[in-house]
N, C-alpha and C. Protein backbone atom coordinates (compact mmCIF):
# COMPACT_ATOMS: atom_id res chain seq x y z
N MET A 1 13.33 99.38 -122.11
CA MET A 1 13.06 98.68 -123.33
C MET A 1 12.04 97.81 -123.04
N ASN A 2 10.98 97.63 -123.99
CA ASN A 2 9.91 96.83 -123.66
C ASN A 2 10.26 95.38 -123.95
N THR A 3 9.47 94.40 -123.41
CA THR A 3 9.85 92.94 -123.30
C THR A 3 9.74 92.42 -124.72
N ALA A 4 8.82 92.80 -125.63
CA ALA A 4 8.82 92.29 -126.99
C ALA A 4 9.97 92.64 -127.80
N ILE A 5 10.39 93.88 -127.62
CA ILE A 5 11.58 94.33 -128.31
C ILE A 5 12.85 93.58 -127.91
N ARG A 6 12.99 93.47 -126.50
CA ARG A 6 14.10 92.74 -125.78
C ARG A 6 14.23 91.31 -126.44
N LYS A 7 13.01 90.62 -126.56
CA LYS A 7 13.05 89.27 -127.05
C LYS A 7 13.50 89.25 -128.49
N SER A 8 12.97 90.19 -129.33
CA SER A 8 13.40 90.19 -130.66
C SER A 8 14.86 90.44 -130.92
N VAL A 9 15.41 91.35 -130.09
CA VAL A 9 16.88 91.57 -130.09
C VAL A 9 17.65 90.31 -129.72
N LEU A 10 17.22 89.69 -128.54
CA LEU A 10 17.96 88.51 -128.14
C LEU A 10 17.91 87.39 -129.16
N VAL A 11 16.65 87.13 -129.77
CA VAL A 11 16.61 86.15 -130.80
C VAL A 11 17.41 86.41 -131.93
N GLY A 12 17.53 87.68 -132.37
CA GLY A 12 18.30 88.14 -133.46
C GLY A 12 19.81 87.84 -133.15
N LEU A 13 20.22 88.24 -131.99
CA LEU A 13 21.61 87.96 -131.61
C LEU A 13 21.91 86.48 -131.50
N ALA A 14 21.05 85.74 -131.04
CA ALA A 14 21.26 84.34 -130.90
C ALA A 14 21.31 83.64 -132.36
N GLY A 15 20.58 84.15 -133.33
CA GLY A 15 20.70 83.70 -134.74
C GLY A 15 21.94 84.04 -135.30
N LEU A 16 22.45 85.24 -135.06
CA LEU A 16 23.79 85.64 -135.59
C LEU A 16 24.87 84.77 -135.02
N SER A 17 24.77 84.48 -133.70
CA SER A 17 25.72 83.73 -133.07
C SER A 17 25.81 82.32 -133.64
N VAL A 18 24.74 81.69 -133.91
CA VAL A 18 24.61 80.36 -134.48
C VAL A 18 25.24 80.33 -135.86
N ALA A 19 24.86 81.45 -136.69
CA ALA A 19 25.35 81.63 -138.03
C ALA A 19 26.88 81.76 -137.99
N ALA A 20 27.42 82.57 -137.12
CA ALA A 20 28.84 82.86 -137.09
C ALA A 20 29.56 81.52 -136.68
N THR A 21 28.94 80.80 -135.73
CA THR A 21 29.63 79.52 -135.25
C THR A 21 29.61 78.50 -136.50
N ALA A 22 28.59 78.36 -137.14
CA ALA A 22 28.50 77.54 -138.30
C ALA A 22 29.48 77.87 -139.34
N ALA A 23 29.74 79.15 -139.56
CA ALA A 23 30.56 79.70 -140.65
C ALA A 23 32.02 79.36 -140.22
N GLY A 24 32.23 79.37 -138.81
CA GLY A 24 33.65 79.09 -138.37
C GLY A 24 34.02 77.64 -138.59
N CYS A 25 32.94 76.73 -138.56
CA CYS A 25 33.23 75.31 -138.71
C CYS A 25 33.21 74.80 -140.10
N ALA A 26 32.75 75.70 -141.07
CA ALA A 26 32.82 75.21 -142.49
C ALA A 26 34.18 75.17 -142.98
N PRO A 27 34.41 74.11 -143.82
CA PRO A 27 35.75 73.93 -144.35
C PRO A 27 36.19 75.06 -145.31
N ALA A 28 37.37 75.49 -145.31
CA ALA A 28 37.83 76.55 -146.14
C ALA A 28 37.86 75.96 -147.56
N VAL A 29 37.64 76.77 -148.52
CA VAL A 29 37.72 76.43 -149.93
C VAL A 29 39.13 76.35 -150.31
N GLN A 30 39.61 75.16 -150.81
CA GLN A 30 40.98 75.09 -151.14
C GLN A 30 41.05 74.88 -152.73
N PRO A 31 42.19 75.50 -153.17
CA PRO A 31 42.40 75.38 -154.70
C PRO A 31 42.52 73.91 -155.08
N PRO A 32 42.21 73.43 -156.27
CA PRO A 32 42.33 72.03 -156.65
C PRO A 32 43.77 71.66 -156.54
N ALA A 33 44.06 70.43 -156.12
CA ALA A 33 45.31 69.96 -156.05
C ALA A 33 45.96 69.84 -157.40
N ALA A 34 47.32 70.01 -157.42
CA ALA A 34 48.06 69.84 -158.70
C ALA A 34 48.08 68.34 -159.01
N GLU A 35 47.96 68.01 -160.26
CA GLU A 35 47.92 66.63 -160.64
C GLU A 35 49.35 66.07 -160.48
N ALA A 36 49.30 64.70 -160.02
CA ALA A 36 50.59 64.11 -159.79
C ALA A 36 51.19 63.72 -161.05
N ALA A 37 52.54 63.70 -161.05
CA ALA A 37 53.32 63.30 -162.25
C ALA A 37 53.04 61.91 -162.46
N PRO A 38 52.97 61.46 -163.71
CA PRO A 38 52.71 59.94 -164.03
C PRO A 38 53.91 59.17 -163.43
N PRO A 39 53.51 57.99 -163.08
CA PRO A 39 54.66 57.10 -162.44
C PRO A 39 55.66 56.76 -163.45
N ALA A 40 56.82 56.52 -162.93
CA ALA A 40 58.08 56.16 -163.85
C ALA A 40 57.68 54.71 -164.28
N PRO A 41 58.00 54.41 -165.59
CA PRO A 41 57.80 53.05 -166.10
C PRO A 41 58.63 52.07 -165.37
N GLY A 42 57.97 51.01 -165.01
CA GLY A 42 58.75 49.90 -164.29
C GLY A 42 58.85 50.04 -162.88
N SER A 43 58.37 51.15 -162.26
CA SER A 43 58.62 51.32 -160.85
C SER A 43 57.56 50.44 -160.09
N ALA A 44 58.01 50.14 -158.90
CA ALA A 44 57.20 49.11 -158.05
C ALA A 44 55.85 49.67 -157.67
N GLY A 45 54.84 48.83 -157.80
CA GLY A 45 53.53 49.24 -157.28
C GLY A 45 52.80 50.16 -158.18
N THR A 46 53.22 50.48 -159.33
CA THR A 46 52.60 51.46 -160.20
C THR A 46 51.68 50.89 -161.20
N GLY A 47 51.78 49.57 -161.37
CA GLY A 47 50.82 48.97 -162.40
C GLY A 47 51.49 48.93 -163.79
N SER A 48 52.68 49.43 -163.97
CA SER A 48 53.24 49.30 -165.23
C SER A 48 54.19 48.04 -165.39
N TYR A 49 53.61 47.08 -165.79
CA TYR A 49 54.29 45.78 -165.91
C TYR A 49 54.46 45.40 -167.34
N LYS A 50 55.52 44.64 -167.63
CA LYS A 50 55.77 44.16 -169.06
C LYS A 50 54.67 43.03 -169.36
N ASP A 51 54.28 43.15 -170.56
CA ASP A 51 53.38 42.05 -171.02
C ASP A 51 54.11 40.75 -171.12
N GLY A 52 53.51 39.68 -170.89
CA GLY A 52 54.23 38.42 -170.95
C GLY A 52 53.52 37.32 -170.15
N THR A 53 54.11 36.21 -170.09
CA THR A 53 53.64 35.12 -169.12
C THR A 53 54.66 34.91 -168.12
N TYR A 54 54.27 34.89 -166.87
CA TYR A 54 55.21 34.73 -165.72
C TYR A 54 54.76 33.59 -164.79
N SER A 55 55.66 32.98 -164.17
CA SER A 55 55.31 31.90 -163.17
C SER A 55 56.19 31.89 -162.00
N ALA A 56 55.47 31.50 -160.90
CA ALA A 56 56.29 31.49 -159.64
C ALA A 56 55.47 30.47 -158.76
N ASP A 57 56.24 29.91 -157.84
CA ASP A 57 55.55 29.09 -156.77
C ASP A 57 55.41 29.82 -155.50
N GLY A 58 54.31 29.51 -154.73
CA GLY A 58 54.21 30.12 -153.56
C GLY A 58 53.87 29.07 -152.42
N ASN A 59 54.32 29.28 -151.22
CA ASN A 59 54.21 28.32 -150.14
C ASN A 59 53.14 28.83 -149.08
N TYR A 60 52.54 27.96 -148.46
CA TYR A 60 51.57 28.30 -147.44
C TYR A 60 51.63 27.12 -146.34
N LYS A 61 51.12 27.40 -145.19
CA LYS A 61 51.08 26.44 -144.13
C LYS A 61 49.66 25.81 -144.12
N SER A 62 49.61 24.46 -143.96
CA SER A 62 48.42 23.80 -143.86
C SER A 62 48.48 22.86 -142.60
N PRO A 63 47.48 22.24 -142.12
CA PRO A 63 47.55 21.30 -141.06
C PRO A 63 48.53 20.22 -141.23
N ASN A 64 48.87 19.98 -142.61
CA ASN A 64 49.75 18.94 -142.93
C ASN A 64 51.24 19.38 -143.09
N GLY A 65 51.41 20.74 -142.86
CA GLY A 65 52.72 21.21 -143.14
C GLY A 65 52.81 22.34 -144.18
N THR A 66 54.00 22.54 -144.70
CA THR A 66 54.21 23.54 -145.75
C THR A 66 53.70 22.92 -147.08
N GLU A 67 52.87 23.68 -147.80
CA GLU A 67 52.48 23.16 -149.16
C GLU A 67 52.92 24.25 -150.15
N THR A 68 52.91 23.83 -151.43
CA THR A 68 53.37 24.72 -152.46
C THR A 68 52.29 24.57 -153.65
N VAL A 69 52.16 25.80 -154.24
CA VAL A 69 51.18 26.00 -155.31
C VAL A 69 51.85 26.69 -156.45
N GLY A 70 51.77 26.33 -157.72
CA GLY A 70 52.40 27.01 -158.77
C GLY A 70 51.37 27.88 -159.42
N VAL A 71 51.91 29.07 -159.83
CA VAL A 71 50.97 30.14 -160.41
C VAL A 71 51.65 30.56 -161.70
N GLU A 72 50.78 30.70 -162.73
CA GLU A 72 51.29 31.18 -164.06
C GLU A 72 50.24 32.34 -164.54
N LEU A 73 50.72 33.47 -164.66
CA LEU A 73 49.86 34.57 -165.05
C LEU A 73 50.37 35.19 -166.40
N THR A 74 49.49 35.41 -167.27
CA THR A 74 49.65 36.14 -168.46
C THR A 74 49.23 37.59 -168.32
N LEU A 75 50.00 38.54 -168.61
CA LEU A 75 49.71 39.97 -168.47
C LEU A 75 49.62 40.70 -169.91
N ALA A 76 48.62 41.46 -169.96
CA ALA A 76 48.57 42.32 -171.20
C ALA A 76 48.12 43.70 -170.67
N GLY A 77 48.93 44.72 -170.75
CA GLY A 77 48.63 46.05 -170.20
C GLY A 77 48.50 46.11 -168.81
N GLY A 78 49.19 45.23 -168.03
CA GLY A 78 49.04 45.36 -166.66
C GLY A 78 47.92 44.60 -166.14
N THR A 79 47.12 44.02 -167.03
CA THR A 79 45.87 43.26 -166.69
C THR A 79 46.10 41.76 -166.79
N VAL A 80 45.60 40.97 -165.98
CA VAL A 80 45.70 39.45 -166.05
C VAL A 80 44.69 38.97 -167.25
N SER A 81 45.30 38.42 -168.15
CA SER A 81 44.51 37.83 -169.20
C SER A 81 44.41 36.30 -169.16
N ASP A 82 45.09 35.74 -168.41
CA ASP A 82 45.06 34.16 -168.18
C ASP A 82 45.74 33.79 -166.95
N VAL A 83 45.30 32.77 -166.32
CA VAL A 83 45.91 32.22 -165.13
C VAL A 83 45.84 30.73 -165.19
N LYS A 84 46.93 30.01 -164.73
CA LYS A 84 46.99 28.65 -164.65
C LYS A 84 47.55 28.29 -163.27
N ILE A 85 46.98 27.35 -162.60
CA ILE A 85 47.55 26.74 -161.35
C ILE A 85 48.11 25.42 -161.48
N THR A 86 49.25 25.23 -160.97
CA THR A 86 49.97 23.97 -160.96
C THR A 86 49.85 23.44 -159.46
N THR A 87 49.15 22.43 -159.30
CA THR A 87 49.03 21.91 -157.91
C THR A 87 50.21 20.98 -157.49
N HIS A 88 50.67 21.12 -156.29
CA HIS A 88 51.68 20.28 -155.78
C HIS A 88 51.26 19.56 -154.45
N PRO A 89 50.21 18.70 -154.53
CA PRO A 89 49.63 18.29 -153.25
C PRO A 89 50.54 17.27 -152.59
N SER A 90 50.63 17.29 -151.28
CA SER A 90 51.40 16.42 -150.48
C SER A 90 50.41 15.24 -149.96
N ASN A 91 49.20 15.52 -150.11
CA ASN A 91 48.19 14.31 -149.63
C ASN A 91 46.82 14.63 -150.29
N SER A 92 45.93 13.67 -150.00
CA SER A 92 44.67 13.80 -150.61
C SER A 92 43.84 15.02 -150.27
N ASN A 93 44.03 15.51 -149.05
CA ASN A 93 43.23 16.71 -148.56
C ASN A 93 43.71 17.87 -149.34
N THR A 94 45.07 18.03 -149.44
CA THR A 94 45.64 19.19 -150.16
C THR A 94 45.21 19.06 -151.54
N ARG A 95 45.28 17.88 -152.19
CA ARG A 95 44.94 17.74 -153.59
C ARG A 95 43.49 18.33 -153.74
N LYS A 96 42.55 18.07 -152.90
CA LYS A 96 41.13 18.45 -152.95
C LYS A 96 41.09 19.97 -153.01
N PHE A 97 41.73 20.56 -151.99
CA PHE A 97 41.59 22.03 -151.86
C PHE A 97 42.39 22.75 -152.91
N GLN A 98 43.51 22.40 -153.32
CA GLN A 98 44.25 22.97 -154.41
C GLN A 98 43.51 22.81 -155.67
N GLY A 99 42.85 21.71 -155.97
CA GLY A 99 42.07 21.43 -157.09
C GLY A 99 40.81 22.41 -157.14
N GLU A 100 40.21 22.59 -155.99
CA GLU A 100 39.05 23.51 -155.98
C GLU A 100 39.45 24.94 -156.18
N PHE A 101 40.69 25.22 -155.67
CA PHE A 101 41.29 26.64 -155.73
C PHE A 101 41.51 26.82 -157.26
N ALA A 102 42.14 25.81 -157.98
CA ALA A 102 42.53 25.95 -159.36
C ALA A 102 41.31 26.10 -160.17
N GLY A 103 40.19 25.44 -159.88
CA GLY A 103 38.96 25.48 -160.55
C GLY A 103 38.22 26.89 -160.44
N GLY A 104 38.50 27.61 -159.43
CA GLY A 104 37.73 28.77 -159.16
C GLY A 104 38.51 30.08 -159.33
N ILE A 105 39.93 30.01 -159.45
CA ILE A 105 40.69 31.29 -159.49
C ILE A 105 40.46 32.06 -160.67
N GLN A 106 40.28 31.54 -161.79
CA GLN A 106 40.13 32.25 -163.11
C GLN A 106 39.09 33.36 -162.98
N ALA A 107 37.88 32.99 -162.39
CA ALA A 107 36.84 33.97 -162.35
C ALA A 107 37.13 35.15 -161.45
N GLN A 108 38.07 34.94 -160.57
CA GLN A 108 38.39 36.00 -159.57
C GLN A 108 39.61 36.93 -160.00
N VAL A 109 40.38 36.51 -160.97
CA VAL A 109 41.53 37.25 -161.27
C VAL A 109 41.62 37.75 -162.75
N VAL A 110 41.04 36.95 -163.65
CA VAL A 110 41.21 37.40 -165.09
C VAL A 110 40.45 38.74 -165.30
N GLY A 111 41.09 39.56 -165.93
CA GLY A 111 40.45 40.97 -166.19
C GLY A 111 40.86 41.97 -165.15
N LYS A 112 41.48 41.64 -164.03
CA LYS A 112 41.90 42.53 -163.02
C LYS A 112 43.35 42.98 -163.28
N LYS A 113 43.63 44.12 -162.74
CA LYS A 113 44.91 44.58 -162.79
C LYS A 113 45.90 43.82 -161.76
N LEU A 114 47.11 43.65 -162.14
CA LEU A 114 48.00 42.80 -161.36
C LEU A 114 48.18 43.46 -159.93
N ASP A 115 48.13 44.64 -159.83
CA ASP A 115 48.22 45.35 -158.45
C ASP A 115 46.96 45.07 -157.65
N GLU A 116 45.81 44.72 -158.25
CA GLU A 116 44.57 44.48 -157.55
C GLU A 116 44.46 43.12 -156.92
N LEU A 117 45.34 42.18 -157.32
CA LEU A 117 45.17 40.90 -156.94
C LEU A 117 45.57 40.59 -155.46
N GLN A 118 44.64 40.09 -154.68
CA GLN A 118 44.85 39.76 -153.28
C GLN A 118 43.56 38.91 -152.97
N VAL A 119 43.78 37.63 -153.18
CA VAL A 119 42.70 36.71 -152.95
C VAL A 119 42.67 36.10 -151.42
N SER A 120 41.51 35.91 -150.96
CA SER A 120 41.55 35.36 -149.52
C SER A 120 40.86 34.06 -149.59
N LYS A 121 39.78 33.74 -150.28
CA LYS A 121 39.17 32.46 -150.28
C LYS A 121 38.59 32.21 -151.69
N VAL A 122 38.94 31.05 -152.22
CA VAL A 122 38.53 30.73 -153.61
C VAL A 122 37.89 29.35 -153.53
N ALA A 123 36.72 29.07 -153.88
CA ALA A 123 35.97 27.85 -154.04
C ALA A 123 36.11 27.01 -152.71
N GLY A 124 36.04 27.68 -151.62
CA GLY A 124 36.11 26.98 -150.39
C GLY A 124 37.57 26.75 -149.81
N SER A 125 38.57 27.08 -150.56
CA SER A 125 39.93 26.94 -150.19
C SER A 125 40.52 28.31 -149.70
N SER A 126 40.85 28.46 -148.49
CA SER A 126 41.27 29.68 -147.86
C SER A 126 42.81 29.61 -147.81
N LEU A 127 43.41 28.39 -147.42
CA LEU A 127 44.85 28.37 -147.19
C LEU A 127 45.59 28.51 -148.46
N THR A 128 45.24 27.93 -149.51
CA THR A 128 45.86 28.01 -150.83
C THR A 128 46.07 29.42 -151.22
N SER A 129 45.22 30.36 -150.93
CA SER A 129 45.25 31.64 -151.38
C SER A 129 46.60 32.38 -150.81
N GLY A 130 47.09 31.94 -149.76
CA GLY A 130 48.26 32.39 -149.13
C GLY A 130 49.52 32.12 -150.08
N GLY A 131 49.55 30.95 -150.59
CA GLY A 131 50.61 30.47 -151.49
C GLY A 131 50.39 31.32 -152.81
N PHE A 132 49.18 31.40 -153.20
CA PHE A 132 48.83 32.22 -154.57
C PHE A 132 49.36 33.60 -154.42
N ASN A 133 49.07 34.33 -153.33
CA ASN A 133 49.44 35.67 -153.16
C ASN A 133 50.97 35.92 -153.03
N GLN A 134 51.48 34.87 -152.41
CA GLN A 134 53.03 34.91 -152.43
C GLN A 134 53.61 34.82 -153.83
N ALA A 135 53.04 33.92 -154.60
CA ALA A 135 53.52 33.75 -155.92
C ALA A 135 53.26 35.04 -156.71
N VAL A 136 52.09 35.69 -156.56
CA VAL A 136 51.80 36.91 -157.28
C VAL A 136 52.80 38.02 -156.89
N ALA A 137 53.19 38.00 -155.68
CA ALA A 137 54.21 39.06 -155.35
C ALA A 137 55.59 38.81 -156.16
N LYS A 138 56.01 37.59 -156.19
CA LYS A 138 57.11 37.18 -156.99
C LYS A 138 57.05 37.57 -158.55
N ILE A 139 55.83 37.36 -159.01
CA ILE A 139 55.55 37.71 -160.41
C ILE A 139 55.54 39.11 -160.63
N LYS A 140 55.05 39.97 -159.67
CA LYS A 140 55.17 41.37 -159.84
C LYS A 140 56.58 41.83 -160.04
N SER A 141 57.50 41.25 -159.24
CA SER A 141 58.94 41.60 -159.39
C SER A 141 59.49 41.20 -160.67
N GLN A 142 59.04 40.06 -161.23
CA GLN A 142 59.55 39.62 -162.52
C GLN A 142 59.06 40.54 -163.63
N ALA A 143 57.89 40.94 -163.56
CA ALA A 143 57.18 41.72 -164.65
C ALA A 143 57.64 43.14 -164.69
N GLN A 144 58.34 43.67 -163.87
CA GLN A 144 58.76 45.10 -163.85
C GLN A 144 59.82 45.27 -164.81
């Protein structure tokens, strides 16, 4: 067999080998997944909450000890339509941070689904959010 033909055959076989390898790595076509059944009304974590106004207190640790913040949420269709914060400061530093939190929380939660709420820092206050998140968990239970 002449050298030019041998090279053509080897190049052709190498190309087929690469194509076969690539085809073996390709994901198999799968049929579309069946749609999940809609969640049962009132079941936990599904976002089906009763409309209304709910309130709860949440606690968090600060350098001054355990602090409390009050949270009132109004829900419409599982979405927060209003929020009010009741501050319970134990000292001037806590008063400052809870006040900043109360002033900035509305922009972060109004219009969001209750299941989406999980704040970490609001208007410079990072510790108060722990109490807020704790109160939201209680409100979720109330609203089911």
